[in-house]
C-alpha atoms as a PDB file:
ATOM      1  CA  MET A   1     -49.717  -4.182 -26.914  1.00  0.00           C
ATOM      2  CA  ARG A   2     -48.054  -1.535 -24.748  1.00  0.00           C
ATOM      3  CA  LEU A   3     -46.826  -4.205 -22.381  1.00  0.00           C
ATOM      4  CA  LEU A   4     -45.252  -6.130 -25.239  1.00  0.00           C
ATOM      5  CA  SER A   5     -43.543  -2.936 -26.474  1.00  0.00           C
ATOM      6  CA  LEU A   6     -42.281  -2.191 -22.965  1.00  0.00           C
ATOM      7  CA  ILE A   7     -40.904  -5.713 -22.603  1.00  0.00           C
ATOM      8  CA  GLY A   8     -39.178  -5.461 -25.997  1.00  0.00           C
ATOM      9  CA  LEU A   9     -37.691  -2.064 -25.151  1.00  0.00           C
ATOM     10  CA  THR A  10     -36.474  -3.331 -21.778  1.00  0.00           C
ATOM     11  CA  PHE A  11     -34.899  -6.379 -23.426  1.00  0.00           C
ATOM     12  CA  ALA A  12     -33.176  -4.231 -26.065  1.00  0.00           C
ATOM     13  CA  THR A  13     -31.877  -1.855 -23.389  1.00  0.00           C
ATOM     14  CA  LEU A  14     -30.515  -4.701 -21.268  1.00  0.00           C
ATOM     15  CA  LEU A  15     -28.925  -6.254 -24.343  1.00  0.00           C
ATOM     16  CA  GLY A  16     -27.291  -2.932 -25.245  1.00  0.00           C
ATOM     17  CA  VAL A  17     -25.997  -2.358 -21.711  1.00  0.00           C
ATOM     18  CA  SER A  18     -24.563  -5.875 -21.489  1.00  0.00           C
ATOM     19  CA  PHE A  19     -22.957  -5.414 -24.931  1.00  0.00           C
ATOM     20  CA  ALA A  20     -21.369  -2.157 -23.776  1.00  0.00           C
ATOM     21  CA  LEU A  21     -20.068  -3.779 -20.594  1.00  0.00           C
ATOM     22  CA  LEU A  22     -18.600  -6.749 -22.454  1.00  0.00           C
ATOM     23  CA  ASN A  23     -16.866  -4.479 -25.005  1.00  0.00           C
ATOM     24  CA  SER A  24     -15.496  -1.808 -22.698  1.00  0.00           C
ATOM     25  CA  ALA A  25     -11.881  -2.140 -23.873  1.00  0.00           C
ATOM     26  CA  SER A  26     -10.376   1.050 -25.256  1.00  0.00           C
ATOM     27  CA  VAL A  27      -9.246   1.276 -28.855  1.00  0.00           C
ATOM     28  CA  ALA A  28      -7.122   3.969 -30.453  1.00  0.00           C
ATOM     29  CA  ILE A  29      -8.419   5.688 -33.561  1.00  0.00           C
ATOM     30  CA  HIS A  30      -5.697   7.320 -35.629  1.00  0.00           C
ATOM     31  CA  TYR A  31      -6.771  10.390 -37.586  1.00  0.00           C
ATOM     32  CA  TYR A  32      -4.592  12.277 -40.016  1.00  0.00           C
ATOM     33  CA  ILE A  33      -4.156  15.030 -37.429  1.00  0.00           C
ATOM     34  CA  GLY A  34      -4.179  13.058 -34.189  1.00  0.00           C
ATOM     35  CA  THR A  35      -5.236  10.056 -32.160  1.00  0.00           C
ATOM     36  CA  ARG A  36      -8.228   9.468 -29.927  1.00  0.00           C
ATOM     37  CA  THR A  37      -8.978   6.582 -27.582  1.00  0.00           C
ATOM     38  CA  ILE A  38     -12.612   5.528 -27.157  1.00  0.00           C
ATOM     39  CA  PRO A  39     -14.374   2.400 -25.865  1.00  0.00           C
ATOM     40  CA  LEU A  40     -14.921  -0.355 -28.416  1.00  0.00           C
ATOM     41  CA  SER A  41     -18.677  -0.424 -27.783  1.00  0.00           C
ATOM     42  CA  LEU A  42     -18.929   3.296 -28.609  1.00  0.00           C
ATOM     43  CA  LEU A  43     -16.953   2.785 -31.803  1.00  0.00           C
ATOM     44  CA  ILE A  44     -19.248  -0.065 -32.858  1.00  0.00           C
ATOM     45  CA  LEU A  45     -22.314   2.086 -32.107  1.00  0.00           C
ATOM     46  CA  ILE A  46     -20.920   4.996 -34.147  1.00  0.00           C
ATOM     47  CA  VAL A  47     -20.165   2.720 -37.104  1.00  0.00           C
ATOM     48  CA  LEU A  48     -23.628   1.129 -36.839  1.00  0.00           C
ATOM     49  CA  VAL A  49     -25.383   4.513 -36.881  1.00  0.00           C
ATOM     50  CA  PHE A  50     -23.157   5.688 -39.741  1.00  0.00           C
ATOM     51  CA  GLY A  51     -24.061   2.559 -41.737  1.00  0.00           C
ATOM     52  CA  ILE A  52     -27.780   3.052 -41.102  1.00  0.00           C
ATOM     53  CA  VAL A  53     -27.568   6.673 -42.279  1.00  0.00           C
ATOM     54  CA  ILE A  54     -25.678   5.689 -45.441  1.00  0.00           C
ATOM     55  CA  GLY A  55     -28.201   2.918 -46.128  1.00  0.00           C
ATOM     56  CA  LEU A  56     -31.135   5.302 -45.727  1.00  0.00           C
ATOM     57  CA  LEU A  57     -29.505   7.886 -47.972  1.00  0.00           C
ATOM     58  CA  ALA A  58     -28.791   5.233 -50.605  1.00  0.00           C
ATOM     59  CA  SER A  59     -32.378   3.958 -50.580  1.00  0.00           C
ATOM     60  CA  PHE A  60     -34.011   7.404 -50.472  1.00  0.00           C
ATOM     61  CA  PRO A  61     -34.140   7.950 -54.264  1.00  0.00           C
ATOM     62  CA  SER A  62     -35.875   4.632 -54.925  1.00  0.00           C
ATOM     63  CA  ILE A  63     -38.335   5.183 -52.059  1.00  0.00           C
ATOM     64  CA  LEU A  64     -39.140   8.644 -53.393  1.00  0.00           C
ATOM     65  CA  ARG A  65     -39.602   7.284 -56.917  1.00  0.00           C
ATOM     66  CA  LEU A  66     -41.968   4.571 -55.638  1.00  0.00           C
ATOM     67  CA  LYS A  67     -44.022   7.103 -53.659  1.00  0.00           C
ATOM     68  CA  ILE A  68     -44.390   9.301 -56.734  1.00  0.00           C
ATOM     69  CA  GLU A  69     -45.448   6.303 -58.828  1.00  0.00           C
ATOM     70  CA  ASN A  70     -47.906   5.226 -56.133  1.00  0.00           C
ATOM     71  CA  ARG A  71     -49.532   8.676 -56.129  1.00  0.00           C
ATOM     72  CA  ARG A  72     -49.740   8.630 -59.922  1.00  0.00           C
ATOM     73  CA  LEU A  73     -51.383   5.192 -59.912  1.00  0.00           C
ATOM     74  CA  LEU A  74     -53.870   6.244 -57.244  1.00  0.00           C
ATOM     75  CA  ARG A  75     -54.846   9.276 -59.329  1.00  0.00           C
ATOM     76  CA  VAL A  76     -55.335   7.093 -62.421  1.00  0.00           C
ATOM     77  CA  ARG A  77     -57.526   4.656 -60.446  1.00  0.00           C
ATOM     78  CA  ASP A  78     -59.869   7.415 -59.269  1.00  0.00           C
END
């Protein structure tokens, strides 16, 4: 099982490195107070992480509600 995890992690790392190398062009980001130039792959990674965080925050209330209901149902069963 550890070997399979190591192979998967290695594959994901190689995929990420190749993605970063293929998308190394610089893009300008215009803020209200200035401009910054960063690599496209870094911008995509930032947006991906930002989307994951927003998705987790949006699903947190329903997950919390389901956990509370699960505890209540387990107490009723016992």
